[in-house]
């Protein structure tokens, strides 16, 4: 099925690069910003071990039953937090997680059922 391009319905987003090794799952990729050289690593919290690194920023995304941790690689104060959030939201759209919520701390969900 072909879709017509309607400029008024598209939002311009920066292009980032994604690297995924053959041993990693799609949700365990690394996002690269070619302009700032910043990298943000994604970790699928259900399938990967995530150990925070000192000096890096981290965020968490929830979407349905998915939880993904994101951590910068090579962060320094020249990198703006907005850039990191843009990279994370771009990656979520790439994964099809359109209702993703970004958290600055690990979200704790309680199942009361």
Protein backbone atom coordinates (compact mmCIF):
# COMPACT_ATOMS: atom_id res chain seq x y z
CA UNK A 1 0.00 0.00 0.00
CA UNK A 2 1.40 3.40 -0.97
CA UNK A 3 0.86 6.47 1.13
CA UNK A 4 0.83 9.96 -0.30
CA UNK A 5 3.15 12.46 1.34
CA UNK A 6 1.29 15.36 2.90
CA UNK A 7 3.77 17.95 4.23
CA UNK A 8 1.29 19.41 6.71
CA UNK A 9 0.93 16.01 8.41
CA UNK A 10 4.64 15.36 8.95
CA UNK A 11 6.86 16.76 11.66
CA UNK A 12 10.49 17.31 10.80
CA UNK A 13 12.72 15.30 13.13
CA UNK A 14 16.47 15.07 13.22
CA UNK A 15 18.04 12.00 11.74
CA UNK A 16 20.04 9.81 14.04
CA UNK A 17 21.89 6.58 13.38
CA UNK A 18 21.18 3.27 15.11
CA UNK A 19 23.74 0.55 15.60
CA UNK A 20 22.71 -2.92 16.69
CA UNK A 21 25.20 -5.77 16.93
CA UNK A 22 24.13 -9.17 15.70
CA UNK A 23 24.11 -10.36 19.32
CA UNK A 24 21.69 -7.66 20.46
CA UNK A 25 17.94 -7.39 20.23
CA UNK A 26 16.39 -4.47 18.33
CA UNK A 27 15.49 -2.77 21.60
CA UNK A 28 19.14 -2.91 22.72
CA UNK A 29 20.52 -0.59 20.08
CA UNK A 30 22.70 2.47 20.35
CA UNK A 31 21.48 5.80 19.00
CA UNK A 32 24.17 8.07 17.50
CA UNK A 33 23.83 11.80 16.91
CA UNK A 34 26.26 12.58 14.08
CA UNK A 35 26.30 16.32 14.90
CA UNK A 36 27.17 16.20 18.61
CA UNK A 37 28.78 12.72 18.56
CA UNK A 38 26.63 11.79 21.57
CA UNK A 39 25.53 8.17 21.92
CA UNK A 40 22.55 6.85 23.87
CA UNK A 41 22.37 3.10 24.59
CA UNK A 42 19.00 1.35 24.94
CA UNK A 43 18.47 -1.64 27.22
CA UNK A 44 15.35 -3.82 27.09
CA UNK A 45 14.74 -4.23 30.82
CA UNK A 46 13.08 -7.64 30.36
CA UNK A 47 15.92 -9.17 28.35
CA UNK A 48 19.08 -7.22 29.15
CA UNK A 49 21.16 -6.49 32.20
CA UNK A 50 21.37 -2.79 32.87
CA UNK A 51 24.08 -1.51 35.18
CA UNK A 52 24.19 2.31 35.37
CA UNK A 53 27.53 3.99 34.70
CA UNK A 54 28.76 6.88 36.81
CA UNK A 55 28.68 10.28 35.11
CA UNK A 56 26.10 9.32 32.49
CA UNK A 57 22.46 10.42 32.25
CA UNK A 58 19.70 7.84 32.15
CA UNK A 59 16.02 7.80 31.33
CA UNK A 60 13.39 5.08 31.27
CA UNK A 61 10.59 4.52 28.80
CA UNK A 62 7.36 2.67 29.46
CA UNK A 63 4.91 1.68 26.76
CA UNK A 64 2.33 -0.95 27.66
CA UNK A 65 4.26 -3.83 29.24
CA UNK A 66 7.58 -2.63 27.75
CA UNK A 67 10.26 -0.92 29.84
CA UNK A 68 13.43 0.31 28.18
CA UNK A 69 16.35 2.01 29.93
CA UNK A 70 18.40 4.60 28.05
CA UNK A 71 21.83 5.78 29.13
CA UNK A 72 24.20 8.23 27.52
CA UNK A 73 27.67 7.12 26.47
CA UNK A 74 30.27 9.86 26.63
CA UNK A 75 28.01 12.50 28.17
CA UNK A 76 29.47 15.88 29.00
CA UNK A 77 27.87 19.17 29.99
CA UNK A 78 27.83 20.50 26.42
CA UNK A 79 25.14 17.92 25.58
CA UNK A 80 21.71 19.33 26.27
CA UNK A 81 19.11 17.20 28.00
CA UNK A 82 16.64 18.14 25.25
CA UNK A 83 18.89 16.46 22.66
CA UNK A 84 18.89 13.24 24.70
CA UNK A 85 15.09 13.30 25.01
CA UNK A 86 14.77 13.92 21.26
CA UNK A 87 17.03 10.95 20.53
CA UNK A 88 14.97 8.73 22.84
CA UNK A 89 11.63 9.83 21.38
CA UNK A 90 12.97 9.30 17.84
CA UNK A 91 14.04 5.77 18.76
CA UNK A 92 10.64 5.03 20.33
CA UNK A 93 8.92 6.12 17.12
CA UNK A 94 11.35 3.92 15.16
CA UNK A 95 10.31 0.96 17.37
CA UNK A 96 6.61 1.80 16.91
CA UNK A 97 6.13 2.72 20.58
CA UNK A 98 3.89 5.68 19.83
CA UNK A 99 2.42 5.90 23.34
CA UNK A 100 5.78 5.75 25.11
CA UNK A 101 6.29 7.77 28.27
CA UNK A 102 9.76 8.97 29.22
CA UNK A 103 10.67 8.97 32.92
CA UNK A 104 13.72 10.45 34.64
CA UNK A 105 13.66 7.72 37.31
CA UNK A 106 12.91 4.03 37.14
CA UNK A 107 9.12 3.65 37.03
CA UNK A 108 7.75 1.24 39.59
CA UNK A 109 4.45 -0.31 38.60
CA UNK A 110 2.29 -2.19 41.04
CA UNK A 111 -0.10 -4.82 39.74
CA UNK A 112 -3.08 -4.83 42.08
CA UNK A 113 -4.86 -7.71 40.35
